Amino acid sequence: MANSIQDKLEWTIILIHEFGKKHGLTLKQAFNYLRRYKGIDFIDRNYSYVHTQSFQSMVLDMTEYCHNMGGGLV
């Protein structure tokens, strides 16, 4: 089953919001961080898997992934 672009976009925005909440960032700051450290690319490439996980789990995974890509948040 293909995921619609709207579903993918809505899910990604919620994840970015939750990521920002966890790290004390605005939505824009969270997006910029995830984009800079390849988190957005990871989500885009692996959406069929990541959207089946809880937001809490994915925030932790994105934090670790971006940290491994050079990001400073832990």
PDB file of N, CA and C in Angstrom:
ATOM      1  N   MET A   1       0.846  -1.180   0.000  1.00  0.00           N
ATOM      2  CA  MET A   1       0.000   0.000   0.000  1.00  0.00           C
ATOM      3  C   MET A   1       0.890   1.241   0.000  1.00  0.00           C
ATOM      4  N   ALA A   2       0.653   2.118  -0.924  1.00  0.00           N
ATOM      5  CA  ALA A   2       1.447   3.350  -1.015  1.00  0.00           C
ATOM      6  C   ALA A   2       0.936   4.375  -0.015  1.00  0.00           C
ATOM      7  N   ASN A   3       1.867   5.121   0.548  1.00  0.00           N
ATOM      8  CA  ASN A   3       1.509   6.185   1.475  1.00  0.00           C
ATOM      9  C   ASN A   3       1.310   7.466   0.697  1.00  0.00           C
ATOM     10  N   SER A   4       0.266   8.202   1.064  1.00  0.00           N
ATOM     11  CA  SER A   4       0.031   9.455   0.361  1.00  0.00           C
ATOM     12  C   SER A   4       1.048  10.497   0.828  1.00  0.00           C
ATOM     13  N   ILE A   5       1.293  11.438  -0.041  1.00  0.00           N
ATOM     14  CA  ILE A   5       2.228  12.522   0.291  1.00  0.00           C
ATOM     15  C   ILE A   5       1.713  13.302   1.490  1.00  0.00           C
ATOM     16  N   GLN A   6       0.399  13.520   1.553  1.00  0.00           N
ATOM     17  CA  GLN A   6      -0.177  14.262   2.674  1.00  0.00           C
ATOM     18  C   GLN A   6       0.045  13.520   3.992  1.00  0.00           C
ATOM     19  N   ASP A   7      -0.175  12.207   4.010  1.00  0.00           N
ATOM     20  CA  ASP A   7       0.051  11.419   5.224  1.00  0.00           C
ATOM     21  C   ASP A   7       1.513  11.503   5.658  1.00  0.00           C
ATOM     22  N   LYS A   8       2.404  11.365   4.694  1.00  0.00           N
ATOM     23  CA  LYS A   8       3.843  11.424   4.978  1.00  0.00           C
ATOM     24  C   LYS A   8       4.228  12.789   5.537  1.00  0.00           C
ATOM     25  N   LEU A   9       3.708  13.836   4.945  1.00  0.00           N
ATOM     26  CA  LEU A   9       4.000  15.187   5.397  1.00  0.00           C
ATOM     27  C   LEU A   9       3.455  15.435   6.802  1.00  0.00           C
ATOM     28  N   GLU A  10       2.214  15.042   7.042  1.00  0.00           N
ATOM     29  CA  GLU A  10       1.619  15.233   8.369  1.00  0.00           C
ATOM     30  C   GLU A  10       2.404  14.477   9.436  1.00  0.00           C
ATOM     31  N   TRP A  11       2.747  13.222   9.156  1.00  0.00           N
ATOM     32  CA  TRP A  11       3.495  12.421  10.123  1.00  0.00           C
ATOM     33  C   TRP A  11       4.848  13.062  10.403  1.00  0.00           C
ATOM     34  N   THR A  12       5.520  13.522   9.356  1.00  0.00           N
ATOM     35  CA  THR A  12       6.853  14.121   9.500  1.00  0.00           C
ATOM     36  C   THR A  12       6.787  15.412  10.310  1.00  0.00           C
ATOM     37  N   ILE A  13       5.776  16.216  10.097  1.00  0.00           N
ATOM     38  CA  ILE A  13       5.625  17.466  10.863  1.00  0.00           C
ATOM     39  C   ILE A  13       5.405  17.160  12.334  1.00  0.00           C
ATOM     40  N   ILE A  14       4.592  16.165  12.619  1.00  0.00           N
ATOM     41  CA  ILE A  14       4.369  15.790  14.021  1.00  0.00           C
ATOM     42  C   ILE A  14       5.679  15.313  14.648  1.00  0.00           C
ATOM     43  N   LEU A  15       6.432  14.495  13.925  1.00  0.00           N
ATOM     44  CA  LEU A  15       7.714  14.025  14.458  1.00  0.00           C
ATOM     45  C   LEU A  15       8.662  15.190  14.711  1.00  0.00           C
ATOM     46  N   ILE A  16       8.738  16.124  13.784  1.00  0.00           N
ATOM     47  CA  ILE A  16       9.613  17.295  13.967  1.00  0.00           C
ATOM     48  C   ILE A  16       9.175  18.081  15.194  1.00  0.00           C
ATOM     49  N   HIS A  17       7.873  18.246  15.359  1.00  0.00           N
ATOM     50  CA  HIS A  17       7.348  18.957  16.534  1.00  0.00           C
ATOM     51  C   HIS A  17       7.742  18.235  17.830  1.00  0.00           C
ATOM     52  N   GLU A  18       7.553  16.922  17.855  1.00  0.00           N
ATOM     53  CA  GLU A  18       7.907  16.136  19.049  1.00  0.00           C
ATOM     54  C   GLU A  18       9.409  16.169  19.308  1.00  0.00           C
ATOM     55  N   PHE A  19      10.197  16.116  18.253  1.00  0.00           N
ATOM     56  CA  PHE A  19      11.654  16.216  18.383  1.00  0.00           C
ATOM     57  C   PHE A  19      12.024  17.561  19.000  1.00  0.00           C
ATOM     58  N   GLY A  20      11.420  18.618  18.514  1.00  0.00           N
ATOM     59  CA  GLY A  20      11.684  19.951  19.049  1.00  0.00           C
ATOM     60  C   GLY A  20      11.282  20.072  20.512  1.00  0.00           C
ATOM     61  N   LYS A  21      10.119  19.529  20.849  1.00  0.00           N
ATOM     62  CA  LYS A  21       9.652  19.560  22.243  1.00  0.00           C
ATOM     63  C   LYS A  21      10.657  18.874  23.161  1.00  0.00           C
ATOM     64  N   LYS A  22      11.130  17.724  22.734  1.00  0.00           N
ATOM     65  CA  LYS A  22      12.082  16.947  23.544  1.00  0.00           C
ATOM     66  C   LYS A  22      13.380  17.709  23.779  1.00  0.00           C
ATOM     67  N   HIS A  23      13.809  18.487  22.787  1.00  0.00           N
ATOM     68  CA  HIS A  23      15.100  19.162  22.870  1.00  0.00           C
ATOM     69  C   HIS A  23      14.997  20.671  23.086  1.00  0.00           C
ATOM     70  N   GLY A  24      13.813  21.174  23.370  1.00  0.00           N
ATOM     71  CA  GLY A  24      13.638  22.596  23.641  1.00  0.00           C
ATOM     72  C   GLY A  24      13.868  23.475  22.421  1.00  0.00           C
ATOM     73  N   LEU A  25      13.456  22.994  21.249  1.00  0.00           N
ATOM     74  CA  LEU A  25      13.649  23.731  20.006  1.00  0.00           C
ATOM     75  C   LEU A  25      12.300  24.143  19.426  1.00  0.00           C
ATOM     76  N   THR A  26      12.309  25.239  18.683  1.00  0.00           N
ATOM     77  CA  THR A  26      11.111  25.600  17.932  1.00  0.00           C
ATOM     78  C   THR A  26      10.966  24.622  16.775  1.00  0.00           C
ATOM     79  N   LEU A  27       9.821  24.643  16.124  1.00  0.00           N
ATOM     80  CA  LEU A  27       9.603  23.777  14.980  1.00  0.00           C
ATOM     81  C   LEU A  27      10.634  24.064  13.887  1.00  0.00           C
ATOM     82  N   LYS A  28      10.904  25.335  13.648  1.00  0.00           N
ATOM     83  CA  LYS A  28      11.882  25.708  12.630  1.00  0.00           C
ATOM     84  C   LYS A  28      13.281  25.225  13.008  1.00  0.00           C
ATOM     85  N   GLN A  29      13.679  25.408  14.261  1.00  0.00           N
ATOM     86  CA  GLN A  29      14.997  24.956  14.711  1.00  0.00           C
ATOM     87  C   GLN A  29      15.115  23.437  14.594  1.00  0.00           C
ATOM     88  N   ALA A  30      14.058  22.734  14.996  1.00  0.00           N
ATOM     89  CA  ALA A  30      14.075  21.270  14.923  1.00  0.00           C
ATOM     90  C   ALA A  30      14.198  20.811  13.468  1.00  0.00           C
ATOM     91  N   PHE A  31      13.435  21.435  12.572  1.00  0.00           N
ATOM     92  CA  PHE A  31      13.517  21.078  11.155  1.00  0.00           C
ATOM     93  C   PHE A  31      14.919  21.328  10.622  1.00  0.00           C
ATOM     94  N   ASN A  32      15.466  22.498  10.919  1.00  0.00           N
ATOM     95  CA  ASN A  32      16.804  22.835  10.413  1.00  0.00           C
ATOM     96  C   ASN A  32      17.857  21.858  10.932  1.00  0.00           C
ATOM     97  N   TYR A  33      17.751  21.480  12.205  1.00  0.00           N
ATOM     98  CA  TYR A  33      18.691  20.518  12.785  1.00  0.00           C
ATOM     99  C   TYR A  33      18.570  19.163  12.082  1.00  0.00           C
ATOM    100  N   LEU A  34      17.338  18.675  11.960  1.00  0.00           N
ATOM    101  CA  LEU A  34      17.122  17.375  11.318  1.00  0.00           C
ATOM    102  C   LEU A  34      17.545  17.396   9.859  1.00  0.00           C
ATOM    103  N   ARG A  35      17.347  18.506   9.195  1.00  0.00           N
ATOM    104  CA  ARG A  35      17.784  18.604   7.798  1.00  0.00           C
ATOM    105  C   ARG A  35      19.308  18.624   7.723  1.00  0.00           C
ATOM    106  N   ARG A  36      19.947  19.417   8.575  1.00  0.00           N
ATOM    107  CA  ARG A  36      21.407  19.550   8.538  1.00  0.00           C
ATOM    108  C   ARG A  36      22.112  18.223   8.809  1.00  0.00           C
ATOM    109  N   TYR A  37      21.567  17.454   9.757  1.00  0.00           N
ATOM    110  CA  TYR A  37      22.222  16.214  10.145  1.00  0.00           C
ATOM    111  C   TYR A  37      21.542  14.979   9.557  1.00  0.00           C
ATOM    112  N   LYS A  38      20.874  15.174   8.432  1.00  0.00           N
ATOM    113  CA  LYS A  38      20.358  14.097   7.571  1.00  0.00           C
ATOM    114  C   LYS A  38      19.188  13.307   8.143  1.00  0.00           C
ATOM    115  N   GLY A  39      18.570  13.801   9.207  1.00  0.00           N
ATOM    116  CA  GLY A  39      17.402  13.126   9.765  1.00  0.00           C
ATOM    117  C   GLY A  39      16.210  13.155   8.823  1.00  0.00           C
ATOM    118  N   ILE A  40      15.992  14.282   8.151  1.00  0.00           N
ATOM    119  CA  ILE A  40      14.881  14.394   7.201  1.00  0.00           C
ATOM    120  C   ILE A  40      15.099  13.413   6.043  1.00  0.00           C
ATOM    121  N   ASP A  41      16.312  13.325   5.553  1.00  0.00           N
ATOM    122  CA  ASP A  41      16.622  12.368   4.485  1.00  0.00           C
ATOM    123  C   ASP A  41      16.346  10.936   4.938  1.00  0.00           C
ATOM    124  N   PHE A  42      16.742  10.623   6.175  1.00  0.00           N
ATOM    125  CA  PHE A  42      16.510   9.284   6.722  1.00  0.00           C
ATOM    126  C   PHE A  42      15.015   8.985   6.774  1.00  0.00           C
ATOM    127  N   ILE A  43      14.237   9.937   7.258  1.00  0.00           N
ATOM    128  CA  ILE A  43      12.784   9.753   7.340  1.00  0.00           C
ATOM    129  C   ILE A  43      12.202   9.541   5.945  1.00  0.00           C
ATOM    130  N   ASP A  44      12.633  10.355   5.006  1.00  0.00           N
ATOM    131  CA  ASP A  44      12.120  10.251   3.643  1.00  0.00           C
ATOM    132  C   ASP A  44      12.426   8.886   3.027  1.00  0.00           C
ATOM    133  N   ARG A  45      13.642   8.430   3.195  1.00  0.00           N
ATOM    134  CA  ARG A  45      14.051   7.146   2.610  1.00  0.00           C
ATOM    135  C   ARG A  45      13.405   5.944   3.299  1.00  0.00           C
ATOM    136  N   ASN A  46      13.108   6.082   4.585  1.00  0.00           N
ATOM    137  CA  ASN A  46      12.639   4.939   5.381  1.00  0.00           C
ATOM    138  C   ASN A  46      11.237   5.124   5.942  1.00  0.00           C
ATOM    139  N   TYR A  47      10.450   5.962   5.306  1.00  0.00           N
ATOM    140  CA  TYR A  47       9.121   6.278   5.836  1.00  0.00           C
ATOM    141  C   TYR A  47       8.263   5.042   6.067  1.00  0.00           C
ATOM    142  N   SER A  48       8.325   4.083   5.175  1.00  0.00           N
ATOM    143  CA  SER A  48       7.471   2.898   5.321  1.00  0.00           C
ATOM    144  C   SER A  48       7.725   2.179   6.645  1.00  0.00           C
ATOM    145  N   TYR A  49       8.926   2.280   7.178  1.00  0.00           N
ATOM    146  CA  TYR A  49       9.240   1.703   8.494  1.00  0.00           C
ATOM    147  C   TYR A  49       8.985   2.702   9.614  1.00  0.00           C
ATOM    148  N   VAL A  50       9.539   3.909   9.492  1.00  0.00           N
ATOM    149  CA  VAL A  50       9.525   4.836  10.631  1.00  0.00           C
ATOM    150  C   VAL A  50       8.125   5.237  11.046  1.00  0.00           C
ATOM    151  N   HIS A  51       7.188   5.314  10.109  1.00  0.00           N
ATOM    152  CA  HIS A  51       5.848   5.750  10.498  1.00  0.00           C
ATOM    153  C   HIS A  51       5.085   4.681  11.276  1.00  0.00           C
ATOM    154  N   THR A  52       5.628   3.470  11.335  1.00  0.00           N
ATOM    155  CA  THR A  52       4.985   2.415  12.126  1.00  0.00           C
ATOM    156  C   THR A  52       5.475   2.412  13.574  1.00  0.00           C
ATOM    157  N   GLN A  53       6.475   3.228  13.870  1.00  0.00           N
ATOM    158  CA  GLN A  53       7.053   3.299  15.206  1.00  0.00           C
ATOM    159  C   GLN A  53       6.398   4.436  16.002  1.00  0.00           C
ATOM    160  N   SER A  54       6.519   4.383  17.315  1.00  0.00           N
ATOM    161  CA  SER A  54       5.964   5.463  18.135  1.00  0.00           C
ATOM    162  C   SER A  54       6.791   6.731  17.941  1.00  0.00           C
ATOM    163  N   PHE A  55       6.159   7.868  18.144  1.00  0.00           N
ATOM    164  CA  PHE A  55       6.890   9.126  18.036  1.00  0.00           C
ATOM    165  C   PHE A  55       8.004   9.185  19.082  1.00  0.00           C
ATOM    166  N   GLN A  56       7.734   8.706  20.286  1.00  0.00           N
ATOM    167  CA  GLN A  56       8.748   8.711  21.340  1.00  0.00           C
ATOM    168  C   GLN A  56       9.976   7.910  20.905  1.00  0.00           C
ATOM    169  N   SER A  57       9.747   6.735  20.356  1.00  0.00           N
ATOM    170  CA  SER A  57      10.846   5.901  19.886  1.00  0.00           C
ATOM    171  C   SER A  57      11.605   6.576  18.752  1.00  0.00           C
ATOM    172  N   MET A  58      10.880   7.177  17.822  1.00  0.00           N
ATOM    173  CA  MET A  58      11.529   7.808  16.676  1.00  0.00           C
ATOM    174  C   MET A  58      12.292   9.072  17.079  1.00  0.00           C
ATOM    175  N   VAL A  59      11.819   9.795  18.071  1.00  0.00           N
ATOM    176  CA  VAL A  59      12.564  10.962  18.556  1.00  0.00           C
ATOM    177  C   VAL A  59      13.909  10.497  19.105  1.00  0.00           C
ATOM    178  N   LEU A  60      13.906   9.437  19.874  1.00  0.00           N
ATOM    179  CA  LEU A  60      15.165   8.904  20.407  1.00  0.00           C
ATOM    180  C   LEU A  60      16.063   8.414  19.274  1.00  0.00           C
ATOM    181  N   ASP A  61      15.480   7.705  18.315  1.00  0.00           N
ATOM    182  CA  ASP A  61      16.264   7.201  17.184  1.00  0.00           C
ATOM    183  C   ASP A  61      16.832   8.336  16.342  1.00  0.00           C
ATOM    184  N   MET A  62      16.032   9.371  16.097  1.00  0.00           N
ATOM    185  CA  MET A  62      16.499  10.514  15.304  1.00  0.00           C
ATOM    186  C   MET A  62      17.584  11.291  16.047  1.00  0.00           C
ATOM    187  N   THR A  63      17.460  11.364  17.360  1.00  0.00           N
ATOM    188  CA  THR A  63      18.485  12.025  18.164  1.00  0.00           C
ATOM    189  C   THR A  63      19.811  11.293  18.009  1.00  0.00           C
ATOM    190  N   GLU A  64      19.771   9.975  18.135  1.00  0.00           N
ATOM    191  CA  GLU A  64      20.989   9.167  18.003  1.00  0.00           C
ATOM    192  C   GLU A  64      21.536   9.230  16.574  1.00  0.00           C
ATOM    193  N   TYR A  65      20.663   9.107  15.591  1.00  0.00           N
ATOM    194  CA  TYR A  65      21.093   9.133  14.192  1.00  0.00           C
ATOM    195  C   TYR A  65      21.783  10.466  13.868  1.00  0.00           C
ATOM    196  N   CYS A  66      21.142  11.566  14.216  1.00  0.00           N
ATOM    197  CA  CYS A  66      21.722  12.895  13.926  1.00  0.00           C
ATOM    198  C   CYS A  66      23.016  13.110  14.701  1.00  0.00           C
ATOM    199  N   HIS A  67      23.076  12.610  15.922  1.00  0.00           N
ATOM    200  CA  HIS A  67      24.313  12.714  16.709  1.00  0.00           C
ATOM    201  C   HIS A  67      25.448  11.973  15.984  1.00  0.00           C
ATOM    202  N   ASN A  68      25.123  10.799  15.457  1.00  0.00           N
ATOM    203  CA  ASN A  68      26.128  10.030  14.702  1.00  0.00           C
ATOM    204  C   ASN A  68      26.539  10.731  13.420  1.00  0.00           C
ATOM    205  N   MET A  69      25.697  11.624  12.915  1.00  0.00           N
ATOM    206  CA  MET A  69      25.991  12.362  11.692  1.00  0.00           C
ATOM    207  C   MET A  69      26.656  13.716  12.002  1.00  0.00           C
ATOM    208  N   GLY A  70      26.989  13.948  13.285  1.00  0.00           N
ATOM    209  CA  GLY A  70      27.705  15.161  13.661  1.00  0.00           C
ATOM    210  C   GLY A  70      26.916  16.147  14.500  1.00  0.00           C
ATOM    211  N   GLY A  71      25.658  15.862  14.764  1.00  0.00           N
ATOM    212  CA  GLY A  71      24.822  16.759  15.571  1.00  0.00           C
ATOM    213  C   GLY A  71      25.232  16.744  17.034  1.00  0.00           C
ATOM    214  N   GLY A  72      24.941  17.834  17.717  1.00  0.00           N
ATOM    215  CA  GLY A  72      25.368  17.961  19.098  1.00  0.00           C
ATOM    216  C   GLY A  72      24.350  17.551  20.134  1.00  0.00           C
ATOM    217  N   LEU A  73      23.108  17.309  19.739  1.00  0.00           N
ATOM    218  CA  LEU A  73      22.091  16.942  20.715  1.00  0.00           C
ATOM    219  C   LEU A  73      22.234  15.475  21.103  1.00  0.00           C
ATOM    220  N   VAL A  74      22.054  15.197  22.380  1.00  0.00           N
ATOM    221  CA  VAL A  74      22.073  13.819  22.871  1.00  0.00           C
ATOM    222  C   VAL A  74      20.976  13.614  23.877  1.00  0.00           C
TER     223      VAL A  74
END
